[in-house]
Each structure stands twice: as structure tokens, then as C-alpha cells.
Protein backbone atom coordinates (compact mmCIF):
# COMPACT_ATOMS: atom_id res chain seq x y z
CA MET A 1 0.00 0.00 0.00
CA LYS A 2 2.76 2.51 0.91
CA LYS A 3 4.46 1.85 -2.42
CA ASN A 4 1.29 2.79 -4.31
CA ILE A 5 0.87 5.95 -2.25
CA LEU A 6 4.46 6.98 -3.00
CA ILE A 7 4.07 6.30 -6.71
CA LYS A 8 0.86 8.35 -6.83
CA HIS A 9 2.62 11.16 -4.97
CA LEU A 10 5.54 11.09 -7.41
CA GLU A 11 3.15 11.13 -10.33
CA ASN A 12 0.86 13.89 -9.10
CA ASP A 13 2.56 16.08 -6.50
CA ILE A 14 6.19 16.66 -7.54
CA TYR A 15 6.56 19.80 -9.62
CA CYS A 16 9.93 21.39 -8.89
CA ARG A 17 13.49 20.97 -7.74
CA ILE A 18 16.41 23.06 -6.62
CA GLY A 19 18.48 24.27 -9.56
CA ILE A 20 20.60 27.12 -10.84
CA SER A 21 18.73 30.38 -10.43
CA LYS A 22 17.98 32.55 -13.42
CA ILE A 23 17.46 35.47 -11.02
CA ASP A 24 20.48 35.03 -8.74
CA LYS A 25 23.28 34.06 -11.11
CA ASN A 26 25.50 33.01 -8.19
CA GLY A 27 22.91 30.94 -6.38
CA VAL A 28 20.12 28.45 -6.47
CA GLY A 29 16.39 28.76 -6.82
CA VAL A 30 13.34 26.56 -7.13
CA ILE A 31 12.80 25.49 -10.74
CA ALA A 32 9.66 23.93 -12.20
CA ILE A 33 10.31 20.50 -13.71
CA LYS A 34 6.82 20.33 -15.22
CA ASN A 35 3.93 22.72 -15.65
CA ILE A 36 2.33 23.69 -12.36
CA PRO A 37 -1.39 24.49 -12.47
CA GLU A 38 -2.73 27.70 -10.98
CA GLY A 39 -4.12 27.58 -7.47
CA ILE A 40 -2.21 24.62 -6.02
CA ASN A 41 0.56 24.13 -3.47
CA PRO A 42 3.55 22.86 -5.48
CA PHE A 43 5.28 21.71 -2.28
CA ASN A 44 2.81 19.07 -1.08
CA THR A 45 4.39 16.28 0.90
CA LEU A 46 3.19 12.85 1.86
CA SER A 47 2.85 14.05 5.42
CA LYS A 48 -0.62 15.39 6.10
CA CYS A 49 0.49 17.29 9.20
CA LYS A 50 0.26 21.04 8.86
CA GLU A 51 3.46 22.96 9.40
CA ASP A 52 3.43 25.40 12.27
CA ILE A 53 5.19 28.64 11.53
CA ILE A 54 7.07 30.17 14.43
CA ILE A 55 8.28 33.75 14.26
CA LEU A 56 11.40 34.62 16.25
CA ASN A 57 13.35 37.81 16.77
CA LYS A 58 17.05 38.33 17.54
CA LYS A 59 16.47 38.31 21.30
CA ASP A 60 14.85 34.88 21.07
CA LEU A 61 18.16 33.55 19.75
CA ASP A 62 20.38 34.98 22.54
CA LYS A 63 21.43 31.57 23.90
CA VAL A 64 21.68 29.79 20.55
CA ASP A 65 25.08 28.70 19.21
CA LYS A 66 26.55 31.28 16.81
CA ASN A 67 26.67 28.82 13.90
CA VAL A 68 23.05 27.87 14.44
CA LYS A 69 22.17 31.60 14.54
CA LYS A 70 23.91 32.02 11.19
CA LEU A 71 21.91 29.12 9.75
CA ILE A 72 18.68 30.67 11.02
CA LYS A 73 19.65 34.09 9.63
CA ASP A 74 20.73 32.71 6.25
CA PHE A 75 17.69 30.53 5.65
CA PHE A 76 14.87 32.08 7.66
CA GLY A 77 15.63 35.78 8.05
CA ILE A 78 13.22 38.37 6.74
CA ARG A 79 14.01 41.87 7.94
CA GLU A 80 14.40 41.70 11.72
CA HIS A 81 12.43 38.46 12.14
CA TYR A 82 13.04 34.77 11.50
CA ILE A 83 10.16 32.78 10.10
CA ILE A 84 10.74 29.13 10.92
CA SER A 85 8.63 26.13 10.07
CA LYS A 86 9.35 23.30 12.50
CA SER A 87 13.16 22.90 12.57
CA PRO A 88 15.99 23.68 10.15
CA ASN A 89 16.29 19.90 9.82
CA ASP A 90 12.80 19.86 8.29
CA MET A 91 13.45 22.44 5.57
CA ASN A 92 11.80 21.85 2.25
CA ILE A 93 12.72 23.34 -1.08
CA SER A 94 10.20 26.16 -0.74
CA TYR A 95 12.82 27.91 1.41
CA TYR A 96 14.95 28.34 -1.71
CA MET A 97 12.48 30.52 -3.59
CA ASN A 98 13.98 33.81 -4.71
CA HIS A 99 12.37 37.24 -4.61
CA SER A 100 10.48 38.79 -7.49
CA ASP A 101 8.42 41.96 -7.66
CA ASN A 102 6.07 39.94 -9.88
CA PRO A 103 6.02 36.53 -8.13
CA ASN A 104 4.25 33.41 -9.31
CA ILE A 105 3.78 32.01 -5.77
CA GLU A 106 1.87 33.56 -2.89
CA ILE A 107 1.80 32.68 0.79
CA ILE A 108 -1.34 33.74 2.59
CA SER A 109 -2.69 33.36 6.09
CA ASP A 110 -6.02 31.61 6.53
CA ASN A 111 -7.23 31.07 10.11
CA ASN A 112 -3.66 30.90 11.45
CA LYS A 113 -2.63 28.42 8.74
CA TYR A 114 -0.26 29.48 6.01
CA ILE A 115 -1.14 28.43 2.51
CA ILE A 116 1.32 28.31 -0.38
CA ARG A 117 -0.24 28.44 -3.81
CA THR A 118 0.58 29.29 -7.38
CA LYS A 119 -0.73 32.58 -8.74
CA CYS A 120 -0.67 31.39 -12.35
CA LEU A 121 0.38 28.50 -14.54
CA ILE A 122 4.12 27.96 -14.09
CA LYS A 123 5.72 26.37 -17.13
CA ILE A 124 8.52 23.84 -17.20
CA ASP A 125 11.94 25.42 -16.51
CA GLU A 126 10.40 28.55 -14.92
CA GLU A 127 11.71 29.59 -11.53
CA LEU A 128 9.24 29.75 -8.64
CA THR A 129 9.36 33.12 -6.90
CA VAL A 130 7.77 34.93 -3.99
CA ASN A 131 7.69 38.62 -3.11
CA TYR A 132 9.64 38.86 0.15
CA GLY A 133 7.92 42.11 1.11
CA GLU A 134 4.44 40.63 0.66
CA LEU A 135 5.54 37.51 2.50
CA TYR A 136 6.74 39.60 5.41
CA ASN A 137 3.54 41.69 5.49
CA ASN A 138 1.25 38.63 5.26
CA ILE A 139 2.98 36.66 8.02
CA ILE A 140 4.27 39.22 10.53
């Protein structure tokens, strides 16, 4: 049974991967590996548990090891806050989305749940992007 569930997931829910960014020439981004329909979460996992988002500030990290602080800052920092989902060990590729003023992904709050969804059809080889300013304003 688990094998069939995994195969169905691979067939229906995997849309993107980490690749060379077309926006940040020295970095990585999230790249579509097939067309992604409008209005869906392209980062669905097999786990049905909802991710809790925890918002920290610099003071919250006072007693944290300096290298762990750097990891938090590098991967989760938006302005003066750190938006963390579960643990850095649970990161998914959505954390690698780059900024765009005209993004194709939106993250919205709905009854204290955060929903990731496409704003339009994303074609194969397109990079998935989010507006960091809108993300900050919608979550903080």
C-alpha cells in the first residue's frame, strides 16, 4: 500500500526541484520541472500534518550557538524576524524561492494556517518566486 501511495505522490505532487537560479546568477532557486497548475501548493508532501510557523526575533536567539544563529539568519531571516517552520532539519525546497516583484507564488494566512499556492500556470523550466515584502507583510 505505501508503495502505491508513493508512486501516486511522485506522479501527481512533484513539480519542482532546486536548480541554478535565473534570477540570482551566483545561487540556487526553485525550478519547475513540469507545468504547475494555478491555485495549487507545489510543495505538497506525503505528510498530512500542517506545518506550524514560528516567528522569532534576535532576542529569542540569545542563547543559541553562533553557527546555528547564522543558519537561522541565512535561511529564515526576513528583515528583523526569523520565520521558521518546524526545525531547520525539516526544511523543504520552498525555502529556496527567490524574490520577485512579480512573483508566481503567494503565501497567505487563513485562520492561522499558512497556505502556499501558485498565482498562475508555471511552465517547465520557470523559476518559482515569492515577493519577500508581501511575505513579510502577510505573516508578521
